[in-house]
PDB file of N, CA and C in Angstrom:
ATOM      1  N   MET A   1      92.143  86.195  81.970  1.00  0.00           N
ATOM      2  CA  MET A   1      90.973  86.081  82.918  1.00  0.00           C
ATOM      3  C   MET A   1      91.202  87.969  83.271  1.00  0.00           C
ATOM      4  N   TYR A   2      89.934  88.369  83.523  1.00  0.00           N
ATOM      5  CA  TYR A   2      89.547  89.919  84.248  1.00  0.00           C
ATOM      6  C   TYR A   2      89.207  89.747  85.418  1.00  0.00           C
ATOM      7  N   LEU A   3      89.575  90.551  86.305  1.00  0.00           N
ATOM      8  CA  LEU A   3      89.001  90.643  87.936  1.00  0.00           C
ATOM      9  C   LEU A   3      87.819  92.086  87.834  1.00  0.00           C
ATOM     10  N   ILE A   4      87.052  91.731  88.481  1.00  0.00           N
ATOM     11  CA  ILE A   4      85.753  92.979  88.262  1.00  0.00           C
ATOM     12  C   ILE A   4      86.139  93.308  89.784  1.00  0.00           C
ATOM     13  N   LEU A   5      86.403  94.776  90.009  1.00  0.00           N
ATOM     14  CA  LEU A   5      86.397  95.509  90.754  1.00  0.00           C
ATOM     15  C   LEU A   5      85.461  96.396  91.386  1.00  0.00           C
ATOM     16  N   GLY A   6      84.179  96.286  90.462  1.00  0.00           N
ATOM     17  CA  GLY A   6      83.245  97.357  90.948  1.00  0.00           C
ATOM     18  C   GLY A   6      83.349  98.440  90.155  1.00  0.00           C
ATOM     19  N   ARG A   7      82.331  98.888  90.066  1.00  0.00           N
ATOM     20  CA  ARG A   7      81.489 100.474  89.229  1.00  0.00           C
ATOM     21  C   ARG A   7      82.267  99.858  87.368  1.00  0.00           C
ATOM     22  N   GLU A   8      81.816  99.014  87.128  1.00  0.00           N
ATOM     23  CA  GLU A   8      82.096  97.974  85.919  1.00  0.00           C
ATOM     24  C   GLU A   8      83.491  98.317  85.184  1.00  0.00           C
ATOM     25  N   GLU A   9      84.272  98.641  86.347  1.00  0.00           N
ATOM     26  CA  GLU A   9      86.340  98.356  86.535  1.00  0.00           C
ATOM     27  C   GLU A   9      86.368  96.547  86.293  1.00  0.00           C
ATOM     28  N   LEU A  10      87.135  96.683  85.109  1.00  0.00           N
ATOM     29  CA  LEU A  10      88.164  95.357  85.099  1.00  0.00           C
ATOM     30  C   LEU A  10      89.370  95.398  84.866  1.00  0.00           C
ATOM     31  N   ILE A  11      90.034  94.758  85.587  1.00  0.00           N
ATOM     32  CA  ILE A  11      91.624  94.712  85.270  1.00  0.00           C
ATOM     33  C   ILE A  11      92.297  93.114  85.080  1.00  0.00           C
ATOM     34  N   PRO A  12      93.263  92.781  84.190  1.00  0.00           N
ATOM     35  CA  PRO A  12      94.150  91.602  83.766  1.00  0.00           C
ATOM     36  C   PRO A  12      94.227  91.281  84.915  1.00  0.00           C
ATOM     37  N   GLU A  13      93.993  89.916  85.018  1.00  0.00           N
ATOM     38  CA  GLU A  13      94.304  89.193  86.057  1.00  0.00           C
ATOM     39  C   GLU A  13      95.827  89.322  86.552  1.00  0.00           C
ATOM     40  N   GLU A  14      96.525  89.084  85.365  1.00  0.00           N
ATOM     41  CA  GLU A  14      98.158  89.040  85.455  1.00  0.00           C
ATOM     42  C   GLU A  14      98.773  90.476  85.780  1.00  0.00           C
ATOM     43  N   ASP A  15      97.904  91.571  85.821  1.00  0.00           N
ATOM     44  CA  ASP A  15      98.531  92.647  86.418  1.00  0.00           C
ATOM     45  C   ASP A  15      98.575  92.694  87.660  1.00  0.00           C
ATOM     46  N   VAL A  16      97.905  92.249  88.654  1.00  0.00           N
ATOM     47  CA  VAL A  16      97.652  92.334  89.948  1.00  0.00           C
ATOM     48  C   VAL A  16      98.696  91.767  90.397  1.00  0.00           C
ATOM     49  N   ILE A  17      99.269  92.715  91.528  1.00  0.00           N
ATOM     50  CA  ILE A  17     100.309  92.062  92.612  1.00  0.00           C
ATOM     51  C   ILE A  17     100.095  91.973  93.560  1.00  0.00           C
ATOM     52  N   GLY A  18      98.653  92.289  94.300  1.00  0.00           N
ATOM     53  CA  GLY A  18      98.025  92.627  95.603  1.00  0.00           C
ATOM     54  C   GLY A  18      96.752  92.817  95.786  1.00  0.00           C
ATOM     55  N   ILE A  19      95.904  92.131  96.332  1.00  0.00           N
ATOM     56  CA  ILE A  19      94.860  92.674  97.097  1.00  0.00           C
ATOM     57  C   ILE A  19      94.804  92.701  98.293  1.00  0.00           C
ATOM     58  N   PHE A  20      94.603  93.508  99.223  1.00  0.00           N
ATOM     59  CA  PHE A  20      94.728  93.631 100.520  1.00  0.00           C
ATOM     60  C   PHE A  20      93.387  94.121 101.218  1.00  0.00           C
ATOM     61  N   ASP A  21      93.433  93.607 102.505  1.00  0.00           N
ATOM     62  CA  ASP A  21      91.934  94.164 103.077  1.00  0.00           C
ATOM     63  C   ASP A  21      92.360  95.162 103.873  1.00  0.00           C
ATOM     64  N   LEU A  22      91.678  96.298 103.787  1.00  0.00           N
ATOM     65  CA  LEU A  22      91.785  97.682 104.815  1.00  0.00           C
ATOM     66  C   LEU A  22      91.187  97.722 106.039  1.00  0.00           C
ATOM     67  N   ASP A  23      90.725  96.763 106.085  1.00  0.00           N
ATOM     68  CA  ASP A  23      90.396  96.550 107.768  1.00  0.00           C
ATOM     69  C   ASP A  23      91.578  96.571 108.566  1.00  0.00           C
ATOM     70  N   ASN A  24      92.561  95.651 107.907  1.00  0.00           N
ATOM     71  CA  ASN A  24      93.793  95.011 108.125  1.00  0.00           C
ATOM     72  C   ASN A  24      94.760  96.201 108.229  1.00  0.00           C
ATOM     73  N   ALA A  25      95.074  95.975 106.672  1.00  0.00           N
ATOM     74  CA  ALA A  25      96.116  97.042 106.350  1.00  0.00           C
ATOM     75  C   ALA A  25      96.085  98.858 106.513  1.00  0.00           C
ATOM     76  N   SER A  26      95.098  99.034 107.001  1.00  0.00           N
ATOM     77  CA  SER A  26      95.119 100.492 107.161  1.00  0.00           C
ATOM     78  C   SER A  26      95.468 101.053 108.722  1.00  0.00           C
ATOM     79  N   TRP A  27      95.731 100.054 109.210  1.00  0.00           N
ATOM     80  CA  TRP A  27      96.666 100.553 110.533  1.00  0.00           C
ATOM     81  C   TRP A  27      97.885 100.643 110.539  1.00  0.00           C
ATOM     82  N   SER A  28      98.563 100.276 109.270  1.00  0.00           N
ATOM     83  CA  SER A  28      99.895 100.412 109.696  1.00  0.00           C
ATOM     84  C   SER A  28     100.282 101.335 108.887  1.00  0.00           C
ATOM     85  N   TYR A  29     100.884 102.261 109.656  1.00  0.00           N
ATOM     86  CA  TYR A  29     101.449 103.837 109.046  1.00  0.00           C
ATOM     87  C   TYR A  29     101.958 103.573 107.598  1.00  0.00           C
ATOM     88  N   LEU A  30     102.773 102.877 107.566  1.00  0.00           N
ATOM     89  CA  LEU A  30     103.306 102.334 106.060  1.00  0.00           C
ATOM     90  C   LEU A  30     102.395 102.580 104.637  1.00  0.00           C
ATOM     91  N   THR A  31     101.468 101.563 105.015  1.00  0.00           N
ATOM     92  CA  THR A  31     100.089 101.455 104.215  1.00  0.00           C
ATOM     93  C   THR A  31      99.420 102.809 104.134  1.00  0.00           C
ATOM     94  N   ARG A  32      98.940 103.439 105.033  1.00  0.00           N
ATOM     95  CA  ARG A  32      98.693 104.921 105.001  1.00  0.00           C
ATOM     96  C   ARG A  32      99.239 106.054 104.313  1.00  0.00           C
ATOM     97  N   GLU A  33     100.759 105.615 104.299  1.00  0.00           N
ATOM     98  CA  GLU A  33     101.368 106.722 103.862  1.00  0.00           C
ATOM     99  C   GLU A  33     101.422 106.767 102.262  1.00  0.00           C
ATOM    100  N   TYR A  34     101.622 105.159 101.933  1.00  0.00           N
ATOM    101  CA  TYR A  34     101.587 104.617 100.798  1.00  0.00           C
ATOM    102  C   TYR A  34     100.183 104.990  99.838  1.00  0.00           C
ATOM    103  N   LEU A  35      99.336 104.995 100.564  1.00  0.00           N
ATOM    104  CA  LEU A  35      98.327 105.511 100.286  1.00  0.00           C
ATOM    105  C   LEU A  35      97.997 107.441  99.678  1.00  0.00           C
ATOM    106  N   ALA A  36      98.129 107.913 100.513  1.00  0.00           N
ATOM    107  CA  ALA A  36      98.549 109.607 100.527  1.00  0.00           C
ATOM    108  C   ALA A  36      99.230 109.651  99.437  1.00  0.00           C
ATOM    109  N   ARG A  37     100.407 109.028  99.263  1.00  0.00           N
ATOM    110  CA  ARG A  37     101.401 109.755  98.039  1.00  0.00           C
ATOM    111  C   ARG A  37     100.735 109.073  96.758  1.00  0.00           C
ATOM    112  N   GLY A  38      99.760 107.961  96.961  1.00  0.00           N
ATOM    113  CA  GLY A  38      99.340 107.437  95.555  1.00  0.00           C
ATOM    114  C   GLY A  38      98.368 108.358  95.055  1.00  0.00           C
ATOM    115  N   GLU A  39      97.524 108.835  96.301  1.00  0.00           N
ATOM    116  CA  GLU A  39      96.166 109.550  96.054  1.00  0.00           C
ATOM    117  C   GLU A  39      96.455 111.059  94.993  1.00  0.00           C
ATOM    118  N   LYS A  40      97.886 111.552  96.243  1.00  0.00           N
ATOM    119  CA  LYS A  40      98.239 113.051  96.053  1.00  0.00           C
ATOM    120  C   LYS A  40      99.124 112.709  94.442  1.00  0.00           C
ATOM    121  N   SER A  41      99.746 111.835  93.868  1.00  0.00           N
ATOM    122  CA  SER A  41     100.082 111.468  92.457  1.00  0.00           C
ATOM    123  C   SER A  41      98.993 111.142  91.289  1.00  0.00           C
ATOM    124  N   GLY A  42      98.026 110.746  91.820  1.00  0.00           N
ATOM    125  CA  GLY A  42      97.111 110.030  91.269  1.00  0.00           C
ATOM    126  C   GLY A  42      97.086 108.713  90.647  1.00  0.00           C
ATOM    127  N   ARG A  43      97.893 108.430  91.365  1.00  0.00           N
ATOM    128  CA  ARG A  43      97.975 106.448  91.039  1.00  0.00           C
ATOM    129  C   ARG A  43      97.174 105.959  91.538  1.00  0.00           C
ATOM    130  N   VAL A  44      96.355 106.168  92.331  1.00  0.00           N
ATOM    131  CA  VAL A  44      94.998 105.390  93.262  1.00  0.00           C
ATOM    132  C   VAL A  44      93.753 105.805  92.738  1.00  0.00           C
ATOM    133  N   LYS A  45      92.961 105.169  91.996  1.00  0.00           N
ATOM    134  CA  LYS A  45      91.544 105.211  91.536  1.00  0.00           C
ATOM    135  C   LYS A  45      90.597 104.699  92.390  1.00  0.00           C
ATOM    136  N   ASN A  46      90.087 105.493  93.301  1.00  0.00           N
ATOM    137  CA  ASN A  46      88.937 105.166  94.300  1.00  0.00           C
ATOM    138  C   ASN A  46      87.332 104.916  92.973  1.00  0.00           C
ATOM    139  N   LEU A  47      87.033 103.716  93.767  1.00  0.00           N
ATOM    140  CA  LEU A  47      85.735 103.081  92.754  1.00  0.00           C
ATOM    141  C   LEU A  47      84.769 102.764  94.065  1.00  0.00           C
ATOM    142  N   SER A  48      85.006 103.260  95.495  1.00  0.00           N
ATOM    143  CA  SER A  48      84.000 103.137  96.077  1.00  0.00           C
ATOM    144  C   SER A  48      83.347 104.373  96.443  1.00  0.00           C
ATOM    145  N   ASP A  49      81.996 104.431  96.700  1.00  0.00           N
ATOM    146  CA  ASP A  49      80.865 105.085  97.069  1.00  0.00           C
ATOM    147  C   ASP A  49      80.728 105.453  98.457  1.00  0.00           C
ATOM    148  N   GLY A  50      81.336 104.635  99.210  1.00  0.00           N
ATOM    149  CA  GLY A  50      81.714 105.117 100.821  1.00  0.00           C
ATOM    150  C   GLY A  50      82.732 104.502 101.027  1.00  0.00           C
ATOM    151  N   LEU A  51      83.040 103.896 102.541  1.00  0.00           N
ATOM    152  CA  LEU A  51      84.274 103.655 102.874  1.00  0.00           C
ATOM    153  C   LEU A  51      85.121 102.337 101.944  1.00  0.00           C
ATOM    154  N   PRO A  52      86.210 102.370 101.671  1.00  0.00           N
ATOM    155  CA  PRO A  52      86.766 101.251 100.962  1.00  0.00           C
ATOM    156  C   PRO A  52      87.006 100.042 101.734  1.00  0.00           C
ATOM    157  N   ARG A  53      86.383  98.971 101.324  1.00  0.00           N
ATOM    158  CA  ARG A  53      87.053  97.499 101.770  1.00  0.00           C
ATOM    159  C   ARG A  53      88.414  97.105 101.512  1.00  0.00           C
ATOM    160  N   SER A  54      88.588  97.363 100.011  1.00  0.00           N
ATOM    161  CA  SER A  54      89.984  96.716  99.706  1.00  0.00           C
ATOM    162  C   SER A  54      91.060  97.745  99.095  1.00  0.00           C
ATOM    163  N   LEU A  55      92.392  97.105  98.737  1.00  0.00           N
ATOM    164  CA  LEU A  55      93.174  98.102  97.838  1.00  0.00           C
ATOM    165  C   LEU A  55      93.584  97.072  96.910  1.00  0.00           C
ATOM    166  N   ILE A  56      93.744  97.403  96.044  1.00  0.00           N
ATOM    167  CA  ILE A  56      94.082  96.349  95.112  1.00  0.00           C
ATOM    168  C   ILE A  56      95.514  97.297  94.151  1.00  0.00           C
ATOM    169  N   VAL A  57      96.584  96.293  94.107  1.00  0.00           N
ATOM    170  CA  VAL A  57      97.730  96.909  93.711  1.00  0.00           C
ATOM    171  C   VAL A  57      98.114  96.567  92.605  1.00  0.00           C
ATOM    172  N   THR A  58      98.087  97.331  91.255  1.00  0.00           N
ATOM    173  CA  THR A  58      98.676  96.380  89.866  1.00  0.00           C
ATOM    174  C   THR A  58      99.672  96.922  89.614  1.00  0.00           C
ATOM    175  N   THR A  59     100.420  96.517  88.394  1.00  0.00           N
ATOM    176  CA  THR A  59     101.493  97.379  87.577  1.00  0.00           C
ATOM    177  C   THR A  59     101.143  98.824  86.992  1.00  0.00           C
ATOM    178  N   LYS A  60     100.276  98.970  87.056  1.00  0.00           N
ATOM    179  CA  LYS A  60      99.661 100.030  86.344  1.00  0.00           C
ATOM    180  C   LYS A  60      99.167 101.233  86.887  1.00  0.00           C
ATOM    181  N   ARG A  61      98.403 100.999  87.772  1.00  0.00           N
ATOM    182  CA  ARG A  61      97.733 101.768  89.366  1.00  0.00           C
ATOM    183  C   ARG A  61      97.089 101.217  90.044  1.00  0.00           C
ATOM    184  N   ASP A  62      96.506 101.739  91.102  1.00  0.00           N
ATOM    185  CA  ASP A  62      96.276 100.914  92.219  1.00  0.00           C
ATOM    186  C   ASP A  62      94.503 101.508  92.489  1.00  0.00           C
ATOM    187  N   TYR A  63      93.886 100.893  93.055  1.00  0.00           N
ATOM    188  CA  TYR A  63      92.411 100.546  93.148  1.00  0.00           C
ATOM    189  C   TYR A  63      92.034 100.548  94.740  1.00  0.00           C
ATOM    190  N   LEU A  64      91.045 101.701  94.896  1.00  0.00           N
ATOM    191  CA  LEU A  64      90.146 101.222  95.871  1.00  0.00           C
ATOM    192  C   LEU A  64      88.794 100.923  96.206  1.00  0.00           C
ATOM    193  N   SER A  65      88.363  99.834  96.418  1.00  0.00           N
ATOM    194  CA  SER A  65      87.040  99.080  95.933  1.00  0.00           C
ATOM    195  C   SER A  65      86.355  99.085  97.271  1.00  0.00           C
ATOM    196  N   GLN A  66      85.071  98.869  97.385  1.00  0.00           N
ATOM    197  CA  GLN A  66      83.864  98.856  98.219  1.00  0.00           C
ATOM    198  C   GLN A  66      83.616  97.157  98.511  1.00  0.00           C
ATOM    199  N   LEU A  67      84.562  96.557  97.581  1.00  0.00           N
ATOM    200  CA  LEU A  67      83.897  94.897  97.544  1.00  0.00           C
ATOM    201  C   LEU A  67      85.177  94.365  98.576  1.00  0.00           C
ATOM    202  N   THR A  68      85.141  93.563  99.043  1.00  0.00           N
ATOM    203  CA  THR A  68      85.934  92.934 100.076  1.00  0.00           C
ATOM    204  C   THR A  68      86.984  91.946  99.185  1.00  0.00           C
ATOM    205  N   PRO A  69      88.133  91.901  99.396  1.00  0.00           N
ATOM    206  CA  PRO A  69      89.014  91.062  98.741  1.00  0.00           C
ATOM    207  C   PRO A  69      88.301  89.643  98.625  1.00  0.00           C
ATOM    208  N   ALA A  70      87.669  89.364  99.328  1.00  0.00           N
ATOM    209  CA  ALA A  70      87.373  87.257  98.872  1.00  0.00           C
ATOM    210  C   ALA A  70      86.315  87.128  97.886  1.00  0.00           C
ATOM    211  N   ARG A  71      85.528  88.764  97.896  1.00  0.00           N
ATOM    212  CA  ARG A  71      84.217  88.826  96.881  1.00  0.00           C
ATOM    213  C   ARG A  71      85.309  89.333  95.476  1.00  0.00           C
ATOM    214  N   ILE A  72      85.954  89.997  95.404  1.00  0.00           N
ATOM    215  CA  ILE A  72      86.677  90.656  94.251  1.00  0.00           C
ATOM    216  C   ILE A  72      87.491  89.006  93.483  1.00  0.00           C
ATOM    217  N   ALA A  73      87.989  88.662  94.779  1.00  0.00           N
ATOM    218  CA  ALA A  73      88.760  86.964  93.980  1.00  0.00           C
ATOM    219  C   ALA A  73      87.442  86.282  93.288  1.00  0.00           C
ATOM    220  N   THR A  74      86.800  86.184  93.700  1.00  0.00           N
ATOM    221  CA  THR A  74      85.823  85.315  93.443  1.00  0.00           C
ATOM    222  C   THR A  74      84.799  85.622  91.899  1.00  0.00           C
ATOM    223  N   ARG A  75      85.303  87.250  91.321  1.00  0.00           N
ATOM    224  CA  ARG A  75      84.417  87.615  90.287  1.00  0.00           C
ATOM    225  C   ARG A  75      85.487  88.088  89.192  1.00  0.00           C
ATOM    226  N   ARG A  76      85.602  87.164  88.554  1.00  0.00           N
ATOM    227  CA  ARG A  76      86.449  86.479  87.389  1.00  0.00           C
ATOM    228  C   ARG A  76      85.491  86.463  86.161  1.00  0.00           C
ATOM    229  N   VAL A  77      85.983  87.364  84.970  1.00  0.00           N
ATOM    230  CA  VAL A  77      85.577  86.728  83.451  1.00  0.00           C
ATOM    231  C   VAL A  77      86.269  86.571  82.765  1.00  0.00           C
TER     232      VAL A  77
END
């Protein structure tokens, strides 16, 4: 199975480590530091046109999506 993250981005479900709600997770200093390092190194791919709602951590790279974690979990092909 694949998860649809938005902007025609599909990832294998078995590569997913976690899907995090940025409304809650971004309060943490560690999350902000993790994202800053990931963006600097090019590991984070931003799929959001505006404010991202979720962080998807995978074995290969991380994604910022405008979809909520609940919406991503229901979008499978």
